[in-house]
Amino acid sequence: TAEGGRIGVVLLHGKYGAPDRHISGLAASLREAGHLVATPEMPWSKRRAYNAGFLEALAEVDRAVLELRAKGATAVVVGGHSLGGNAALAYAARYPGVAGVLCLAAAHTPDIGRQLEVSAASVIKARELVAAGKGDTRASFTDLNMGKPHEMIISAADYLSYYDPEGPAVMPRSAALLKAPVPILWVAGSRDPLSRPGPGYAFERAPAHPLSRYVVVEADHLDTPEASTALALEWLKVLAR
């Protein structure tokens, strides 16, 4: 808990997004409530176009966490929307010490469903390049965003970091990697097809914590962060007690 101090929140945008899109309203509300908030631009933003691998992205999250601590945050929650929510969970699994995880329409599921099918040929191609010692080779691989395939130019090793069905961006693996129970607020939109896997997919694989909650709100994929504002503010108050 923050023990009367200030809770910092690192809030990560989704795939092809940016800090000023989809999460900006929630970030503003968190700041108005007195929280220290960081919204770093991640490698999967539209502008950066995957210029770093998934584990490098988690190291960027860690820098944002350390900056909030330096500014006086006595506890830090890491959260995000879509792929940002996936990364928040992965960060908590690999960097102990977060006060909580906020998963808002958490998505990017390289291990199941259409994403697994669409990326299968690219995963084989990337694995072959890595096995041949050519992991740094940049090539065209298939990405999937909100049901639509896109070609991305990325190194084979970095592509695997996001798309390997047994890799670090697989949410059930991240949940199972959590060594100690961490409070998780997982918010799913009722009209979000990307939230269809439900709580059994990853949320319930994390060690149980009395403050963890899985909540469905009336929203689609892009509206979920905004629709989560009141829930997130209330949950952070409970964490601070």
C-alpha atoms as a PDB file:
ATOM      1  CA  THR A   1       0.000   0.000   0.000  1.00  0.00           C
ATOM      2  CA  ALA A   2       0.991   3.649  -0.322  1.00  0.00           C
ATOM      3  CA  GLU A   3       0.583   4.255   3.451  1.00  0.00           C
ATOM      4  CA  GLY A   4      -0.825   7.735   2.995  1.00  0.00           C
ATOM      5  CA  GLY A   5       1.701   8.596   0.288  1.00  0.00           C
ATOM      6  CA  ARG A   6       1.040   9.128  -3.401  1.00  0.00           C
ATOM      7  CA  ILE A   7       0.330   6.272  -5.755  1.00  0.00           C
ATOM      8  CA  GLY A   8       2.044   6.594  -9.109  1.00  0.00           C
ATOM      9  CA  VAL A   9       0.445   5.074 -12.205  1.00  0.00           C
ATOM     10  CA  VAL A  10       2.284   4.115 -15.390  1.00  0.00           C
ATOM     11  CA  LEU A  11      -0.413   3.910 -18.070  1.00  0.00           C
ATOM     12  CA  LEU A  12       0.442   2.250 -21.391  1.00  0.00           C
ATOM     13  CA  HIS A  13      -1.392   2.872 -24.665  1.00  0.00           C
ATOM     14  CA  GLY A  14      -2.479   0.134 -27.069  1.00  0.00           C
ATOM     15  CA  LYS A  15      -1.221  -1.154 -30.407  1.00  0.00           C
ATOM     16  CA  TYR A  16      -0.833   1.594 -33.063  1.00  0.00           C
ATOM     17  CA  GLY A  17      -1.998   4.043 -30.400  1.00  0.00           C
ATOM     18  CA  ALA A  18      -0.307   6.929 -28.607  1.00  0.00           C
ATOM     19  CA  PRO A  19      -0.364   8.489 -25.123  1.00  0.00           C
ATOM     20  CA  ASP A  20      -2.857  11.120 -26.319  1.00  0.00           C
ATOM     21  CA  ARG A  21      -5.378   8.582 -27.689  1.00  0.00           C
ATOM     22  CA  HIS A  22      -7.866   6.316 -25.862  1.00  0.00           C
ATOM     23  CA  ILE A  23      -6.016   6.497 -22.488  1.00  0.00           C
ATOM     24  CA  SER A  24      -5.739  10.295 -22.289  1.00  0.00           C
ATOM     25  CA  GLY A  25      -9.093  10.842 -20.552  1.00  0.00           C
ATOM     26  CA  LEU A  26      -8.320   8.255 -17.880  1.00  0.00           C
ATOM     27  CA  ALA A  27      -4.806   9.672 -17.407  1.00  0.00           C
ATOM     28  CA  ALA A  28      -6.261  13.174 -16.893  1.00  0.00           C
ATOM     29  CA  SER A  29      -8.773  11.860 -14.331  1.00  0.00           C
ATOM     30  CA  LEU A  30      -6.009  10.057 -12.426  1.00  0.00           C
ATOM     31  CA  ARG A  31      -3.931  13.250 -12.317  1.00  0.00           C
ATOM     32  CA  GLU A  32      -6.943  15.274 -11.143  1.00  0.00           C
ATOM     33  CA  ALA A  33      -7.372  12.767  -8.298  1.00  0.00           C
ATOM     34  CA  GLY A  34      -3.794  13.510  -7.185  1.00  0.00           C
ATOM     35  CA  HIS A  35      -1.943  10.553  -8.658  1.00  0.00           C
ATOM     36  CA  LEU A  36       1.444  10.870 -10.323  1.00  0.00           C
ATOM     37  CA  VAL A  37       0.935   9.554 -13.866  1.00  0.00           C
ATOM     38  CA  ALA A  38       3.364   8.570 -16.635  1.00  0.00           C
ATOM     39  CA  THR A  39       2.153   7.750 -20.161  1.00  0.00           C
ATOM     40  CA  PRO A  40       5.268   6.714 -22.108  1.00  0.00           C
ATOM     41  CA  GLU A  41       5.108   6.230 -25.864  1.00  0.00           C
ATOM     42  CA  MET A  42       5.715   2.509 -26.361  1.00  0.00           C
ATOM     43  CA  PRO A  43       7.476   0.669 -29.240  1.00  0.00           C
ATOM     44  CA  TRP A  44       4.085  -0.441 -30.620  1.00  0.00           C
ATOM     45  CA  SER A  45       2.824   3.124 -31.150  1.00  0.00           C
ATOM     46  CA  LYS A  46       1.907   4.101 -34.696  1.00  0.00           C
ATOM     47  CA  ARG A  47       4.907   6.453 -34.832  1.00  0.00           C
ATOM     48  CA  ARG A  48       7.515   4.061 -33.435  1.00  0.00           C
ATOM     49  CA  ALA A  49       6.232   1.085 -35.486  1.00  0.00           C
ATOM     50  CA  TYR A  50       7.764  -1.694 -33.339  1.00  0.00           C
ATOM     51  CA  ASN A  51      11.277  -0.258 -33.121  1.00  0.00           C
ATOM     52  CA  ALA A  52      12.048  -2.394 -30.039  1.00  0.00           C
ATOM     53  CA  GLY A  53      11.215  -5.900 -28.837  1.00  0.00           C
ATOM     54  CA  PHE A  54       8.712  -6.779 -26.113  1.00  0.00           C
ATOM     55  CA  LEU A  55      11.295  -7.270 -23.350  1.00  0.00           C
ATOM     56  CA  GLU A  56      13.000  -3.981 -24.275  1.00  0.00           C
ATOM     57  CA  ALA A  57       9.552  -2.381 -23.995  1.00  0.00           C
ATOM     58  CA  LEU A  58       9.256  -3.723 -20.426  1.00  0.00           C
ATOM     59  CA  ALA A  59      12.629  -2.114 -19.621  1.00  0.00           C
ATOM     60  CA  GLU A  60      11.139   1.187 -20.877  1.00  0.00           C
ATOM     61  CA  VAL A  61       8.196   0.660 -18.509  1.00  0.00           C
ATOM     62  CA  ASP A  62      10.685   0.152 -15.690  1.00  0.00           C
ATOM     63  CA  ARG A  63      12.327   3.500 -16.456  1.00  0.00           C
ATOM     64  CA  ALA A  64       8.898   5.165 -16.179  1.00  0.00           C
ATOM     65  CA  VAL A  65       8.296   3.395 -12.839  1.00  0.00           C
ATOM     66  CA  LEU A  66      11.665   4.589 -11.489  1.00  0.00           C
ATOM     67  CA  GLU A  67      10.929   8.156 -12.645  1.00  0.00           C
ATOM     68  CA  LEU A  68       7.615   8.154 -10.734  1.00  0.00           C
ATOM     69  CA  ARG A  69       9.370   6.850  -7.610  1.00  0.00           C
ATOM     70  CA  ALA A  70      11.949   9.657  -7.998  1.00  0.00           C
ATOM     71  CA  LYS A  71       9.075  12.172  -8.158  1.00  0.00           C
ATOM     72  CA  GLY A  72       7.720  10.906  -4.830  1.00  0.00           C
ATOM     73  CA  ALA A  73       5.421   7.991  -5.614  1.00  0.00           C
ATOM     74  CA  THR A  74       5.439   5.705  -2.578  1.00  0.00           C
ATOM     75  CA  ALA A  75       3.775   2.892  -4.556  1.00  0.00           C
ATOM     76  CA  VAL A  76       3.421   2.358  -8.299  1.00  0.00           C
ATOM     77  CA  VAL A  77       0.622   0.675 -10.237  1.00  0.00           C
ATOM     78  CA  VAL A  78       1.343  -0.353 -13.821  1.00  0.00           C
ATOM     79  CA  GLY A  79      -1.619  -0.431 -16.188  1.00  0.00           C
ATOM     80  CA  GLY A  80      -2.524  -0.275 -19.817  1.00  0.00           C
ATOM     81  CA  HIS A  81      -5.034  -0.585 -22.606  1.00  0.00           C
ATOM     82  CA  SER A  82      -5.058  -3.521 -25.052  1.00  0.00           C
ATOM     83  CA  LEU A  83      -1.412  -4.524 -25.762  1.00  0.00           C
ATOM     84  CA  GLY A  84      -0.514  -2.018 -23.026  1.00  0.00           C
ATOM     85  CA  GLY A  85      -2.542  -4.070 -20.532  1.00  0.00           C
ATOM     86  CA  ASN A  86      -0.771  -7.211 -21.727  1.00  0.00           C
ATOM     87  CA  ALA A  87       2.587  -5.466 -21.168  1.00  0.00           C
ATOM     88  CA  ALA A  88       1.533  -4.228 -17.704  1.00  0.00           C
ATOM     89  CA  LEU A  89       0.866  -7.823 -16.644  1.00  0.00           C
ATOM     90  CA  ALA A  90       4.158  -8.994 -18.197  1.00  0.00           C
ATOM     91  CA  TYR A  91       6.007  -6.189 -16.397  1.00  0.00           C
ATOM     92  CA  ALA A  92       4.551  -7.169 -13.008  1.00  0.00           C
ATOM     93  CA  ALA A  93       5.601 -10.777 -13.620  1.00  0.00           C
ATOM     94  CA  ARG A  94       9.211  -9.834 -14.366  1.00  0.00           C
ATOM     95  CA  TYR A  95       9.814  -6.750 -12.191  1.00  0.00           C
ATOM     96  CA  PRO A  96       8.673  -7.383  -8.609  1.00  0.00           C
ATOM     97  CA  GLY A  97       7.434  -4.535  -6.450  1.00  0.00           C
ATOM     98  CA  VAL A  98       4.400  -3.093  -8.232  1.00  0.00           C
ATOM     99  CA  ALA A  99       1.460  -2.210  -5.979  1.00  0.00           C
ATOM    100  CA  GLY A 100      -1.099  -3.341  -8.545  1.00  0.00           C
ATOM    101  CA  VAL A 101      -1.856  -4.046 -12.192  1.00  0.00           C
ATOM    102  CA  LEU A 102      -4.595  -2.372 -14.231  1.00  0.00           C
ATOM    103  CA  CYS A 103      -5.580  -4.376 -17.347  1.00  0.00           C
ATOM    104  CA  LEU A 104      -8.052  -2.460 -19.529  1.00  0.00           C
ATOM    105  CA  ALA A 105      -9.360  -4.490 -22.480  1.00  0.00           C
ATOM    106  CA  ALA A 106      -6.048  -6.335 -22.251  1.00  0.00           C
ATOM    107  CA  ALA A 107      -5.340  -7.901 -25.630  1.00  0.00           C
ATOM    108  CA  HIS A 108      -2.756  -9.347 -28.021  1.00  0.00           C
ATOM    109  CA  THR A 109      -3.136 -13.121 -27.826  1.00  0.00           C
ATOM    110  CA  PRO A 110      -0.457 -14.814 -29.978  1.00  0.00           C
ATOM    111  CA  ASP A 111      -1.282 -18.169 -28.385  1.00  0.00           C
ATOM    112  CA  ILE A 112      -4.977 -18.537 -29.325  1.00  0.00           C
ATOM    113  CA  GLY A 113      -7.616 -17.989 -31.979  1.00  0.00           C
ATOM    114  CA  ARG A 114      -7.293 -15.863 -35.068  1.00  0.00           C
ATOM    115  CA  GLN A 115      -4.078 -14.183 -33.954  1.00  0.00           C
ATOM    116  CA  LEU A 116      -2.358 -17.576 -33.711  1.00  0.00           C
ATOM    117  CA  GLU A 117      -3.641 -18.534 -37.180  1.00  0.00           C
ATOM    118  CA  VAL A 118      -2.821 -15.240 -38.912  1.00  0.00           C
ATOM    119  CA  SER A 119       0.740 -15.103 -37.549  1.00  0.00           C
ATOM    120  CA  ALA A 120       1.592 -18.820 -37.962  1.00  0.00           C
ATOM    121  CA  ALA A 121       3.557 -18.496 -41.231  1.00  0.00           C
ATOM    122  CA  SER A 122       5.407 -15.399 -39.964  1.00  0.00           C
ATOM    123  CA  VAL A 123       6.323 -17.163 -36.709  1.00  0.00           C
ATOM    124  CA  ILE A 124       7.835 -20.072 -38.691  1.00  0.00           C
ATOM    125  CA  LYS A 125       9.784 -17.617 -40.891  1.00  0.00           C
ATOM    126  CA  ALA A 126      11.045 -15.692 -37.834  1.00  0.00           C
ATOM    127  CA  ARG A 127      12.056 -18.880 -35.997  1.00  0.00           C
ATOM    128  CA  GLU A 128      14.018 -20.063 -39.049  1.00  0.00           C
ATOM    129  CA  LEU A 129      15.897 -16.746 -39.258  1.00  0.00           C
ATOM    130  CA  VAL A 130      16.688 -16.818 -35.520  1.00  0.00           C
ATOM    131  CA  ALA A 131      17.842 -20.454 -35.725  1.00  0.00           C
ATOM    132  CA  ALA A 132      20.167 -19.491 -38.634  1.00  0.00           C
ATOM    133  CA  GLY A 133      21.740 -16.752 -36.483  1.00  0.00           C
ATOM    134  CA  LYS A 134      19.888 -14.036 -38.395  1.00  0.00           C
ATOM    135  CA  GLY A 135      17.640 -12.793 -35.586  1.00  0.00           C
ATOM    136  CA  ASP A 136      18.643  -9.177 -36.318  1.00  0.00           C
ATOM    137  CA  THR A 137      17.465  -9.453 -39.941  1.00  0.00           C
ATOM    138  CA  ARG A 138      14.573  -7.064 -40.612  1.00  0.00           C
ATOM    139  CA  ALA A 139      11.827  -8.470 -42.804  1.00  0.00           C
ATOM    140  CA  SER A 140       8.076  -8.264 -43.390  1.00  0.00           C
ATOM    141  CA  PHE A 141       5.941 -10.160 -40.867  1.00  0.00           C
ATOM    142  CA  THR A 142       2.198 -10.208 -40.212  1.00  0.00           C
ATOM    143  CA  ASP A 143       0.711  -8.271 -37.305  1.00  0.00           C
ATOM    144  CA  LEU A 144      -2.951  -8.367 -36.271  1.00  0.00           C
ATOM    145  CA  ASN A 145      -4.728  -5.360 -34.787  1.00  0.00           C
ATOM    146  CA  MET A 146      -8.447  -5.401 -33.904  1.00  0.00           C
ATOM    147  CA  GLY A 147      -9.034  -8.278 -36.305  1.00  0.00           C
ATOM    148  CA  LYS A 148      -7.176  -6.771 -39.264  1.00  0.00           C
ATOM    149  CA  PRO A 149      -3.823  -8.119 -40.536  1.00  0.00           C
ATOM    150  CA  HIS A 150      -1.039  -5.605 -41.243  1.00  0.00           C
ATOM    151  CA  GLU A 151       2.459  -6.160 -42.601  1.00  0.00           C
ATOM    152  CA  MET A 152       5.178  -4.855 -40.295  1.00  0.00           C
ATOM    153  CA  ILE A 153       8.927  -4.472 -40.916  1.00  0.00           C
ATOM    154  CA  ILE A 154      10.712  -5.720 -37.817  1.00  0.00           C
ATOM    155  CA  SER A 155      13.664  -7.911 -36.890  1.00  0.00           C
ATOM    156  CA  ALA A 156      12.919 -11.638 -36.679  1.00  0.00           C
ATOM    157  CA  ALA A 157      13.909 -11.770 -32.989  1.00  0.00           C
ATOM    158  CA  ASP A 158      11.747  -8.767 -32.106  1.00  0.00           C
ATOM    159  CA  TYR A 159       8.780 -10.225 -34.019  1.00  0.00           C
ATOM    160  CA  LEU A 160       9.070 -13.462 -32.038  1.00  0.00           C
ATOM    161  CA  SER A 161       9.169 -11.451 -28.797  1.00  0.00           C
ATOM    162  CA  TYR A 162       5.610 -10.294 -29.581  1.00  0.00           C
ATOM    163  CA  TYR A 163       4.243 -13.244 -31.559  1.00  0.00           C
ATOM    164  CA  ASP A 164       5.841 -16.472 -30.338  1.00  0.00           C
ATOM    165  CA  PRO A 165       2.864 -18.485 -28.962  1.00  0.00           C
ATOM    166  CA  GLU A 166       5.195 -19.577 -26.146  1.00  0.00           C
ATOM    167  CA  GLY A 167       6.879 -16.196 -25.778  1.00  0.00           C
ATOM    168  CA  PRO A 168       6.888 -13.333 -23.259  1.00  0.00           C
ATOM    169  CA  ALA A 169       3.768 -11.580 -24.663  1.00  0.00           C
ATOM    170  CA  VAL A 170       1.460 -14.517 -23.837  1.00  0.00           C
ATOM    171  CA  MET A 171      -0.821 -13.300 -21.031  1.00  0.00           C
ATOM    172  CA  PRO A 172      -1.554 -16.666 -19.331  1.00  0.00           C
ATOM    173  CA  ARG A 173       2.214 -17.223 -19.063  1.00  0.00           C
ATOM    174  CA  SER A 174       2.729 -13.770 -17.534  1.00  0.00           C
ATOM    175  CA  ALA A 175      -0.104 -14.373 -15.033  1.00  0.00           C
ATOM    176  CA  ALA A 176       1.397 -17.725 -14.020  1.00  0.00           C
ATOM    177  CA  LEU A 177       4.867 -16.122 -13.684  1.00  0.00           C
ATOM    178  CA  LEU A 178       3.700 -13.787 -10.894  1.00  0.00           C
ATOM    179  CA  LYS A 179       5.645 -15.068  -7.897  1.00  0.00           C
ATOM    180  CA  ALA A 180       3.475 -13.400  -5.256  1.00  0.00           C
ATOM    181  CA  PRO A 181      -0.160 -12.279  -5.332  1.00  0.00           C
ATOM    182  CA  VAL A 182      -0.527  -8.766  -6.768  1.00  0.00           C
ATOM    183  CA  PRO A 183      -3.868  -6.879  -6.870  1.00  0.00           C
ATOM    184  CA  ILE A 184      -5.193  -6.897 -10.444  1.00  0.00           C
ATOM    185  CA  LEU A 185      -8.115  -4.834 -11.711  1.00  0.00           C
ATOM    186  CA  TRP A 186      -9.042  -6.409 -15.050  1.00  0.00           C
ATOM    187  CA  VAL A 187     -11.734  -4.531 -16.951  1.00  0.00           C
ATOM    188  CA  ALA A 188     -13.387  -6.035 -20.045  1.00  0.00           C
ATOM    189  CA  GLY A 189     -15.787  -4.291 -22.406  1.00  0.00           C
ATOM    190  CA  SER A 190     -19.140  -5.992 -22.955  1.00  0.00           C
ATOM    191  CA  ARG A 191     -18.954  -5.174 -26.684  1.00  0.00           C
ATOM    192  CA  ASP A 192     -15.259  -5.983 -27.099  1.00  0.00           C
ATOM    193  CA  PRO A 193     -14.657  -9.172 -29.117  1.00  0.00           C
ATOM    194  CA  LEU A 194     -11.021  -9.133 -27.935  1.00  0.00           C
ATOM    195  CA  SER A 195     -12.227  -9.695 -24.351  1.00  0.00           C
ATOM    196  CA  ARG A 196     -14.151 -12.856 -25.279  1.00  0.00           C
ATOM    197  CA  PRO A 197     -11.585 -15.258 -23.749  1.00  0.00           C
ATOM    198  CA  GLY A 198     -12.920 -14.112 -20.340  1.00  0.00           C
ATOM    199  CA  PRO A 199     -11.440 -14.361 -16.834  1.00  0.00           C
ATOM    200  CA  GLY A 200     -10.352 -17.988 -17.246  1.00  0.00           C
ATOM    201  CA  TYR A 201      -7.863 -17.094 -19.984  1.00  0.00           C
ATOM    202  CA  ALA A 202      -5.311 -15.150 -17.895  1.00  0.00           C
ATOM    203  CA  PHE A 203      -6.865 -13.330 -14.910  1.00  0.00           C
ATOM    204  CA  GLU A 204      -7.656 -16.529 -12.992  1.00  0.00           C
ATOM    205  CA  ARG A 205      -4.149 -17.905 -13.645  1.00  0.00           C
ATOM    206  CA  ALA A 206      -2.588 -15.183 -11.496  1.00  0.00           C
ATOM    207  CA  PRO A 207      -2.098 -15.897  -7.781  1.00  0.00           C
ATOM    208  CA  ALA A 208      -5.330 -14.882  -6.007  1.00  0.00           C
ATOM    209  CA  HIS A 209      -5.292 -11.549  -4.155  1.00  0.00           C
ATOM    210  CA  PRO A 210      -8.223 -10.257  -2.041  1.00  0.00           C
ATOM    211  CA  LEU A 211      -8.203  -6.933  -3.945  1.00  0.00           C
ATOM    212  CA  SER A 212      -8.153  -8.483  -7.435  1.00  0.00           C
ATOM    213  CA  ARG A 213     -11.308  -7.939  -9.493  1.00  0.00           C
ATOM    214  CA  TYR A 214     -12.517  -8.873 -12.974  1.00  0.00           C
ATOM    215  CA  VAL A 215     -15.217  -6.419 -14.070  1.00  0.00           C
ATOM    216  CA  VAL A 216     -17.243  -6.145 -17.280  1.00  0.00           C
ATOM    217  CA  VAL A 217     -18.238  -2.607 -18.287  1.00  0.00           C
ATOM    218  CA  GLU A 218     -20.575  -1.383 -21.031  1.00  0.00           C
ATOM    219  CA  ALA A 219     -17.968  -0.502 -23.690  1.00  0.00           C
ATOM    220  CA  ASP A 220     -16.250  -1.577 -26.879  1.00  0.00           C
ATOM    221  CA  HIS A 221     -12.492  -2.155 -27.171  1.00  0.00           C
ATOM    222  CA  LEU A 222     -11.457   1.474 -27.647  1.00  0.00           C
ATOM    223  CA  ASP A 223     -13.901   2.917 -25.083  1.00  0.00           C
ATOM    224  CA  THR A 224     -12.924   0.592 -22.220  1.00  0.00           C
ATOM    225  CA  PRO A 225     -10.283   2.879 -20.604  1.00  0.00           C
ATOM    226  CA  GLU A 226     -12.724   5.799 -20.426  1.00  0.00           C
ATOM    227  CA  ALA A 227     -15.488   3.507 -19.124  1.00  0.00           C
ATOM    228  CA  SER A 228     -13.083   2.234 -16.425  1.00  0.00           C
ATOM    229  CA  THR A 229     -12.361   5.643 -14.892  1.00  0.00           C
ATOM    230  CA  ALA A 230     -14.651   5.478 -11.833  1.00  0.00           C
ATOM    231  CA  LEU A 231     -13.707   1.837 -11.157  1.00  0.00           C
ATOM    232  CA  ALA A 232      -9.974   2.589 -11.388  1.00  0.00           C
ATOM    233  CA  LEU A 233     -10.184   5.626  -9.091  1.00  0.00           C
ATOM    234  CA  GLU A 234     -12.152   3.671  -6.465  1.00  0.00           C
ATOM    235  CA  TRP A 235      -9.787   0.671  -6.693  1.00  0.00           C
ATOM    236  CA  LEU A 236      -6.734   2.920  -6.246  1.00  0.00           C
ATOM    237  CA  LYS A 237      -8.344   4.406  -3.124  1.00  0.00           C
ATOM    238  CA  VAL A 238      -8.728   0.895  -1.707  1.00  0.00           C
ATOM    239  CA  LEU A 239      -5.088   0.072  -2.579  1.00  0.00           C
ATOM    240  CA  ALA A 240      -3.917   3.209  -0.772  1.00  0.00           C
ATOM    241  CA  ARG A 241      -5.568   2.190   2.512  1.00  0.00           C
END
